[in-house]
């Protein structure tokens, strides 16, 4: 009797032989079932996955990141290095972003199949008629802060009045505008009547040298840069958009509406492998940082910085109370909060509709359980 692994291999080989015979007889439908069967076997055993690769039946997926290689995207690197994408019959290429890379354009033009961006940008793009859909939310909380030195006397939003405040624009200013509105302060970026709003670059020198009294910072990056510069955490005051109730969702995965339908199986497999990658990255952060450093530009970052970044990223991917099985799922209430803020501050001109779908993540979680 043939059992276990030998049986699975024999079944996969027989399936391939049958498909080839059918094709030789002129059956034009034989190729699709053969590929589908081989891919299914790849999900069951690594050996069948190897058979899929050998026949060239792997599906190519290009992931476009929002920024350069760093711990912000650690889960995808871990999934790649541990072979999770390969096990799903996928050949995944992870494309770095940068200041001149617009993820939405890469996905819309077909240069990438799936992209990473912030939800505010997705909503703005959909409002312009771009058929993009959020299919996974790997960051469940906002990582953006306003920080000030205690010596400045700035302890709260009200204390920003009359001060020099650094704000990132280009779609990153909406939480700032929302929190000012909450406290009945002028929320304009240009010609603000209550404070001097300065369009901040993606650096912290202007804050460190005193040009800015309060500055924007991500928990996992710029805030860490300030600490690394020698300022102690106890010497800083923080305005947290999550605590203020105006936080917007950030890193998510998005696809075109057409690909949501046409590439459903491949994308679900990609999300299943990515979820496993993020779960492992959170459990073994040292391994995750190793995966990051294989790809990062060592001239512009250090392992120490990426270790700090990974620690903070983990808190955004799996906040307290979220089970690891739900990493990547889109929270309806949080998405609604983001969409409401976007509408209130004219990021979008009408209420968002059909901007997200959990269909692929639900299918992905079923694959992971198997």
Protein backbone atom coordinates (compact mmCIF):
# COMPACT_ATOMS: atom_id res chain seq x y z
CA UNK A 1 0.00 0.00 0.00
CA UNK A 2 1.25 3.51 -0.86
CA UNK A 3 0.84 5.88 2.09
CA UNK A 4 1.77 9.37 3.36
CA UNK A 5 4.31 11.41 1.42
CA UNK A 6 4.81 8.73 -1.29
CA UNK A 7 1.08 8.72 -1.98
CA UNK A 8 0.94 12.51 -2.31
CA UNK A 9 3.87 12.56 -4.72
CA UNK A 10 2.45 9.70 -6.77
CA UNK A 11 -0.96 11.42 -6.96
CA UNK A 12 0.62 14.70 -8.10
CA UNK A 13 2.69 12.92 -10.81
CA UNK A 14 -0.29 10.90 -12.06
CA UNK A 15 -2.35 14.08 -12.27
CA UNK A 16 0.33 15.71 -14.39
CA UNK A 17 0.60 12.68 -16.71
CA UNK A 18 -3.18 12.62 -17.24
CA UNK A 19 -3.16 16.33 -18.05
CA UNK A 20 -0.35 15.87 -20.59
CA UNK A 21 -2.15 12.97 -22.27
CA UNK A 22 -5.35 15.00 -22.52
CA UNK A 23 -3.43 17.91 -24.03
CA UNK A 24 -1.84 15.56 -26.60
CA UNK A 25 -5.33 14.39 -27.59
CA UNK A 26 -6.37 17.95 -28.37
CA UNK A 27 -8.28 18.80 -25.15
CA UNK A 28 -7.93 22.60 -24.97
CA UNK A 29 -9.12 22.68 -21.32
CA UNK A 30 -6.51 20.28 -19.95
CA UNK A 31 -3.85 22.87 -19.07
CA UNK A 32 -5.92 24.84 -16.57
CA UNK A 33 -7.01 21.87 -14.42
CA UNK A 34 -3.44 20.55 -14.42
CA UNK A 35 -2.03 23.82 -13.10
CA UNK A 36 -4.85 24.15 -10.58
CA UNK A 37 -4.31 20.62 -9.28
CA UNK A 38 -0.56 21.11 -8.99
CA UNK A 39 -1.05 24.39 -7.13
CA UNK A 40 -3.43 22.67 -4.73
CA UNK A 41 -0.83 20.03 -4.06
CA UNK A 42 1.71 22.79 -3.39
CA UNK A 43 -0.48 24.00 -0.57
CA UNK A 44 -0.47 20.55 0.97
CA UNK A 45 3.20 19.51 0.85
CA UNK A 46 6.56 21.08 0.13
CA UNK A 47 7.33 18.24 -2.30
CA UNK A 48 4.30 19.04 -4.42
CA UNK A 49 5.33 22.70 -4.24
CA UNK A 50 8.67 21.73 -5.74
CA UNK A 51 6.84 19.87 -8.53
CA UNK A 52 4.85 23.03 -9.27
CA UNK A 53 8.02 25.10 -9.50
CA UNK A 54 9.64 22.49 -11.75
CA UNK A 55 6.77 22.70 -14.25
CA UNK A 56 6.92 26.50 -14.27
CA UNK A 57 3.43 26.76 -12.80
CA UNK A 58 4.34 29.26 -10.07
CA UNK A 59 2.42 32.52 -10.12
CA UNK A 60 4.45 35.74 -10.23
CA UNK A 61 3.39 38.43 -7.74
CA UNK A 62 5.01 41.86 -7.46
CA UNK A 63 4.61 43.72 -4.15
CA UNK A 64 5.26 47.47 -4.21
CA UNK A 65 6.36 48.90 -0.86
CA UNK A 66 5.59 52.44 0.29
CA UNK A 67 9.18 53.18 1.29
CA UNK A 68 12.72 51.81 1.27
CA UNK A 69 13.53 48.42 2.78
CA UNK A 70 13.15 48.66 6.56
CA UNK A 71 11.42 46.93 9.49
CA UNK A 72 8.18 48.68 8.54
CA UNK A 73 7.76 45.79 6.05
CA UNK A 74 9.44 42.98 8.00
CA UNK A 75 6.59 40.47 7.69
CA UNK A 76 6.93 40.27 3.91
CA UNK A 77 10.68 39.65 4.13
CA UNK A 78 10.17 36.89 6.69
CA UNK A 79 7.52 35.24 4.52
CA UNK A 80 9.95 35.29 1.60
CA UNK A 81 12.97 34.04 3.54
CA UNK A 82 11.04 31.21 5.20
CA UNK A 83 9.64 30.04 1.87
CA UNK A 84 6.00 30.74 2.70
CA UNK A 85 5.33 32.34 -0.68
CA UNK A 86 7.08 29.50 -2.48
CA UNK A 87 5.04 26.96 -0.51
CA UNK A 88 1.91 28.64 -1.87
CA UNK A 89 3.15 28.29 -5.44
CA UNK A 90 4.09 31.98 -5.67
CA UNK A 91 7.18 33.74 -6.97
CA UNK A 92 7.08 37.06 -5.09
CA UNK A 93 9.22 40.07 -5.93
CA UNK A 94 9.34 42.77 -3.24
CA UNK A 95 9.91 46.18 -4.81
CA UNK A 96 11.30 49.00 -2.62
CA UNK A 97 9.58 52.36 -2.60
CA UNK A 98 11.07 55.79 -2.12
CA UNK A 99 10.38 59.52 -2.45
CA UNK A 100 9.75 59.21 -6.18
CA UNK A 101 7.67 56.02 -6.07
CA UNK A 102 3.87 56.23 -5.98
CA UNK A 103 2.52 52.76 -5.06
CA UNK A 104 -0.95 53.43 -6.48
CA UNK A 105 0.47 54.25 -9.91
CA UNK A 106 2.59 51.11 -9.90
CA UNK A 107 -0.47 48.99 -9.19
CA UNK A 108 -2.75 50.84 -11.60
CA UNK A 109 -0.26 50.48 -14.47
CA UNK A 110 0.35 46.81 -13.77
CA UNK A 111 3.99 47.32 -12.73
CA UNK A 112 2.94 45.75 -9.41
CA UNK A 113 0.08 43.43 -8.48
CA UNK A 114 -0.36 44.63 -4.92
CA UNK A 115 0.87 47.69 -3.03
CA UNK A 116 1.46 49.09 0.45
CA UNK A 117 0.20 52.57 1.31
CA UNK A 118 -1.83 54.51 3.87
CA UNK A 119 -5.62 54.30 3.80
CA UNK A 120 -6.00 58.08 3.44
CA UNK A 121 -4.19 57.88 0.11
CA UNK A 122 -6.37 54.99 -1.06
CA UNK A 123 -9.53 56.95 -0.25
CA UNK A 124 -8.25 60.02 -2.08
CA UNK A 125 -7.33 57.94 -5.12
CA UNK A 126 -10.72 56.21 -5.21
CA UNK A 127 -12.40 59.59 -4.95
CA UNK A 128 -10.57 60.54 -8.15
CA UNK A 129 -11.98 57.48 -9.87
CA UNK A 130 -9.05 55.11 -9.43
CA UNK A 131 -10.43 51.55 -8.91
CA UNK A 132 -8.33 50.56 -5.88
CA UNK A 133 -9.47 48.40 -2.95
CA UNK A 134 -7.98 47.81 0.52
CA UNK A 135 -7.73 44.02 0.93
CA UNK A 136 -5.64 43.69 4.12
CA UNK A 137 -4.84 45.95 7.08
CA UNK A 138 -1.55 44.92 8.62
CA UNK A 139 -1.22 48.12 10.68
CA UNK A 140 -4.14 48.35 13.11
CA UNK A 141 -3.12 51.60 14.79
CA UNK A 142 -1.60 54.89 13.70
CA UNK A 143 2.10 55.30 14.35
CA UNK A 144 2.09 59.07 13.92
CA UNK A 145 2.78 61.43 16.82
CA UNK A 146 3.43 65.07 17.57
CA UNK A 147 6.41 65.41 19.87
CA UNK A 148 7.78 68.36 21.85
CA UNK A 149 10.61 68.86 24.31
CA UNK A 150 9.34 69.32 27.85
CA UNK A 151 11.43 72.46 28.04
CA UNK A 152 9.12 74.00 25.43
CA UNK A 153 6.17 73.86 27.81
CA UNK A 154 4.00 72.12 25.20
CA UNK A 155 1.99 69.45 27.00
CA UNK A 156 -1.25 69.31 25.01
CA UNK A 157 -2.87 70.32 21.74
CA UNK A 158 -4.03 73.61 23.29
CA UNK A 159 -0.40 74.48 24.02
CA UNK A 160 0.39 74.48 20.28
CA UNK A 161 -1.18 77.91 19.97
CA UNK A 162 1.44 80.48 19.00
CA UNK A 163 4.12 77.83 18.41
CA UNK A 164 6.16 76.57 15.44
CA UNK A 165 4.76 73.17 14.53
CA UNK A 166 6.17 70.79 11.93
CA UNK A 167 3.66 68.84 9.84
CA UNK A 168 4.13 66.39 6.97
CA UNK A 169 1.91 67.25 4.04
CA UNK A 170 1.09 65.44 0.80
CA UNK A 171 -1.65 63.39 2.47
CA UNK A 172 -0.01 63.00 5.87
CA UNK A 173 -1.56 66.07 7.49
CA UNK A 174 -5.12 64.89 8.05
CA UNK A 175 -4.73 63.64 11.63
CA UNK A 176 -3.10 66.95 12.57
CA UNK A 177 -5.98 68.90 11.07
CA UNK A 178 -8.50 66.65 12.81
CA UNK A 179 -6.96 67.09 16.27
CA UNK A 180 -6.83 70.88 15.87
CA UNK A 181 -10.49 70.87 14.87
CA UNK A 182 -11.29 68.83 17.99
CA UNK A 183 -9.85 71.60 20.15
CA UNK A 184 -11.44 74.44 18.13
CA UNK A 185 -8.14 75.66 16.72
CA UNK A 186 -7.53 76.79 13.16
CA UNK A 187 -6.75 73.60 11.23
CA UNK A 188 -5.34 75.24 8.12
CA UNK A 189 -1.91 74.27 6.89
CA UNK A 190 -1.29 77.51 5.01
CA UNK A 191 -1.71 80.84 6.84
CA UNK A 192 -2.81 79.24 10.10
CA UNK A 193 -4.16 81.91 12.46
CA UNK A 194 -3.35 80.09 15.70
CA UNK A 195 0.20 78.84 15.10
CA UNK A 196 3.03 78.76 12.60
CA UNK A 197 2.63 75.54 10.64
CA UNK A 198 5.85 74.54 8.91
CA UNK A 199 5.91 71.89 6.21
CA UNK A 200 8.34 69.43 7.71
CA UNK A 201 10.77 67.32 5.73
CA UNK A 202 11.30 63.64 6.50
CA UNK A 203 14.06 64.44 8.98
CA UNK A 204 14.35 65.55 12.59
CA UNK A 205 17.25 68.01 12.41
CA UNK A 206 14.88 70.98 12.45
CA UNK A 207 13.36 69.68 15.69
CA UNK A 208 16.67 68.79 17.30
CA UNK A 209 18.16 72.21 16.58
CA UNK A 210 15.10 74.07 17.89
CA UNK A 211 13.66 75.38 14.61
CA UNK A 212 10.49 73.44 15.38
CA UNK A 213 8.91 73.49 18.83
CA UNK A 214 6.71 70.51 17.99
CA UNK A 215 7.26 68.02 15.20
CA UNK A 216 5.65 65.08 13.45
CA UNK A 217 7.24 61.69 14.04
CA UNK A 218 6.46 58.03 13.50
CA UNK A 219 6.79 55.86 16.60
CA UNK A 220 8.95 53.39 14.71
CA UNK A 221 11.24 55.83 12.88
CA UNK A 222 11.62 59.57 13.54
CA UNK A 223 10.83 59.27 17.25
CA UNK A 224 13.61 56.70 17.47
CA UNK A 225 15.94 59.04 15.60
CA UNK A 226 15.35 61.67 18.29
CA UNK A 227 16.15 59.18 21.05
CA UNK A 228 19.24 58.03 19.20
CA UNK A 229 20.33 61.68 19.02
CA UNK A 230 20.59 61.67 22.82
CA UNK A 231 17.27 63.12 23.95
CA UNK A 232 15.70 60.98 26.66
CA UNK A 233 12.10 59.82 26.41
CA UNK A 234 11.33 61.40 29.78
CA UNK A 235 12.36 64.77 28.36
CA UNK A 236 9.69 64.64 25.67
CA UNK A 237 5.94 65.26 25.68
CA UNK A 238 3.84 63.34 23.19
CA UNK A 239 0.49 64.05 21.53
CA UNK A 240 -0.83 60.67 20.39
CA UNK A 241 -3.48 60.71 17.67
CA UNK A 242 -4.79 57.31 18.78
CA UNK A 243 -5.38 58.61 22.30
CA UNK A 244 -7.02 61.74 20.88
CA UNK A 245 -9.44 59.62 18.86
CA UNK A 246 -8.49 61.02 15.46
CA UNK A 247 -6.06 58.34 14.26
CA UNK A 248 -6.22 57.17 10.64
CA UNK A 249 -5.24 53.71 9.44
CA UNK A 250 -1.86 53.45 7.79
CA UNK A 251 -0.06 50.52 6.11
CA UNK A 252 -2.50 48.36 4.20
CA UNK A 253 -2.37 46.19 1.09
CA UNK A 254 -4.40 47.23 -1.93
CA UNK A 255 -5.16 45.92 -5.42
CA UNK A 256 -7.24 47.03 -8.38
CA UNK A 257 -10.88 46.03 -8.54
CA UNK A 258 -10.11 43.91 -11.62
CA UNK A 259 -7.34 41.99 -9.86
CA UNK A 260 -9.56 41.47 -6.82
CA UNK A 261 -11.69 39.30 -9.09
CA UNK A 262 -9.24 37.98 -11.66
CA UNK A 263 -6.41 37.04 -9.27
CA UNK A 264 -8.43 36.10 -6.21
CA UNK A 265 -6.77 32.73 -5.62
CA UNK A 266 -3.19 33.96 -6.05
CA UNK A 267 -3.78 37.06 -3.94
CA UNK A 268 -5.43 35.03 -1.18
CA UNK A 269 -2.38 32.77 -1.11
CA UNK A 270 -0.16 35.84 -0.97
CA UNK A 271 -2.08 37.17 2.03
CA UNK A 272 -1.99 33.78 3.76
CA UNK A 273 1.79 33.62 3.43
CA UNK A 274 2.15 37.28 4.43
CA UNK A 275 0.08 36.77 7.57
CA UNK A 276 2.35 33.85 8.55
CA UNK A 277 5.33 36.07 7.84
CA UNK A 278 4.03 38.82 10.13
CA UNK A 279 3.12 36.34 12.85
CA UNK A 280 6.66 34.94 12.78
CA UNK A 281 8.21 38.41 12.61
CA UNK A 282 6.47 39.39 15.83
CA UNK A 283 7.44 36.16 17.58
CA UNK A 284 11.10 36.26 16.53
CA UNK A 285 12.02 39.88 16.04
CA UNK A 286 15.75 39.15 15.86
CA UNK A 287 15.13 36.92 12.82
CA UNK A 288 12.92 39.63 11.34
CA UNK A 289 15.67 42.24 11.70
CA UNK A 290 18.11 39.81 10.06
CA UNK A 291 15.71 39.63 7.11
CA UNK A 292 15.51 43.43 7.01
CA UNK A 293 19.28 43.93 7.09
CA UNK A 294 19.72 41.59 4.12
CA UNK A 295 17.84 44.17 2.07
CA UNK A 296 18.37 47.53 3.78
CA UNK A 297 20.88 50.14 2.66
CA UNK A 298 23.48 49.82 5.42
CA UNK A 299 24.88 53.24 4.53
CA UNK A 300 21.68 54.92 5.71
CA UNK A 301 20.55 52.75 8.61
CA UNK A 302 21.88 50.50 11.34
CA UNK A 303 20.82 47.24 12.93
CA UNK A 304 20.23 49.08 16.21
CA UNK A 305 17.76 51.44 14.53
CA UNK A 306 15.97 48.55 12.82
CA UNK A 307 15.70 46.68 16.14
CA UNK A 308 13.99 49.73 17.65
CA UNK A 309 11.77 50.05 14.60
CA UNK A 310 10.74 46.39 14.73
CA UNK A 311 9.74 46.72 18.38
CA UNK A 312 7.42 49.61 17.58
CA UNK A 313 6.07 48.13 14.36
CA UNK A 314 5.01 45.02 16.29
CA UNK A 315 2.74 47.17 18.48
CA UNK A 316 0.96 48.55 15.40
CA UNK A 317 0.53 45.19 13.68
CA UNK A 318 -0.78 43.43 16.79
CA UNK A 319 -2.14 45.90 19.35
CA UNK A 320 -3.13 44.63 22.79
CA UNK A 321 -6.22 42.43 22.54
CA UNK A 322 -5.79 41.42 18.88
CA UNK A 323 -5.27 37.69 18.36
CA UNK A 324 -2.51 36.65 15.96
CA UNK A 325 -5.10 34.86 13.80
CA UNK A 326 -6.69 38.22 12.98
CA UNK A 327 -3.51 40.00 11.92
CA UNK A 328 -4.28 41.62 8.56
CA UNK A 329 -8.05 41.77 8.91
CA UNK A 330 -9.68 45.14 8.25
CA UNK A 331 -11.49 46.53 11.30
CA UNK A 332 -14.76 48.07 10.09
CA UNK A 333 -14.97 50.66 12.89
CA UNK A 334 -11.38 51.84 12.42
CA UNK A 335 -11.84 52.04 8.68
CA UNK A 336 -15.00 54.09 9.17
CA UNK A 337 -13.16 56.51 11.48
CA UNK A 338 -10.49 56.98 8.83
CA UNK A 339 -13.09 57.52 6.10
CA UNK A 340 -15.06 59.98 8.26
CA UNK A 341 -11.94 62.08 8.91
CA UNK A 342 -11.10 61.96 5.20
CA UNK A 343 -14.57 63.26 4.32
CA UNK A 344 -14.58 65.96 7.00
CA UNK A 345 -11.31 67.44 5.84
CA UNK A 346 -12.01 67.19 2.12
CA UNK A 347 -9.62 64.33 1.40
CA UNK A 348 -12.65 62.88 -0.36
CA UNK A 349 -15.64 64.72 -1.78
CA UNK A 350 -18.26 62.08 -0.95
CA UNK A 351 -18.65 59.20 1.52
CA UNK A 352 -16.39 56.26 0.73
CA UNK A 353 -18.14 53.19 -0.66
CA UNK A 354 -16.80 49.71 -1.39
CA UNK A 355 -13.28 50.90 -0.54
CA UNK A 356 -12.30 47.73 1.31
CA UNK A 357 -12.97 44.01 1.29
CA UNK A 358 -12.08 41.26 3.76
CA UNK A 359 -12.89 38.54 1.22
CA UNK A 360 -9.27 37.74 0.40
CA UNK A 361 -8.14 37.80 4.04
CA UNK A 362 -11.00 35.51 5.06
CA UNK A 363 -9.97 33.07 2.33
CA UNK A 364 -6.33 33.45 3.38
CA UNK A 365 -7.07 32.61 7.02
CA UNK A 366 -8.77 29.41 5.90
CA UNK A 367 -5.61 28.45 4.03
CA UNK A 368 -3.44 29.17 7.07
CA UNK A 369 -5.65 26.99 9.31
CA UNK A 370 -5.24 24.11 6.85
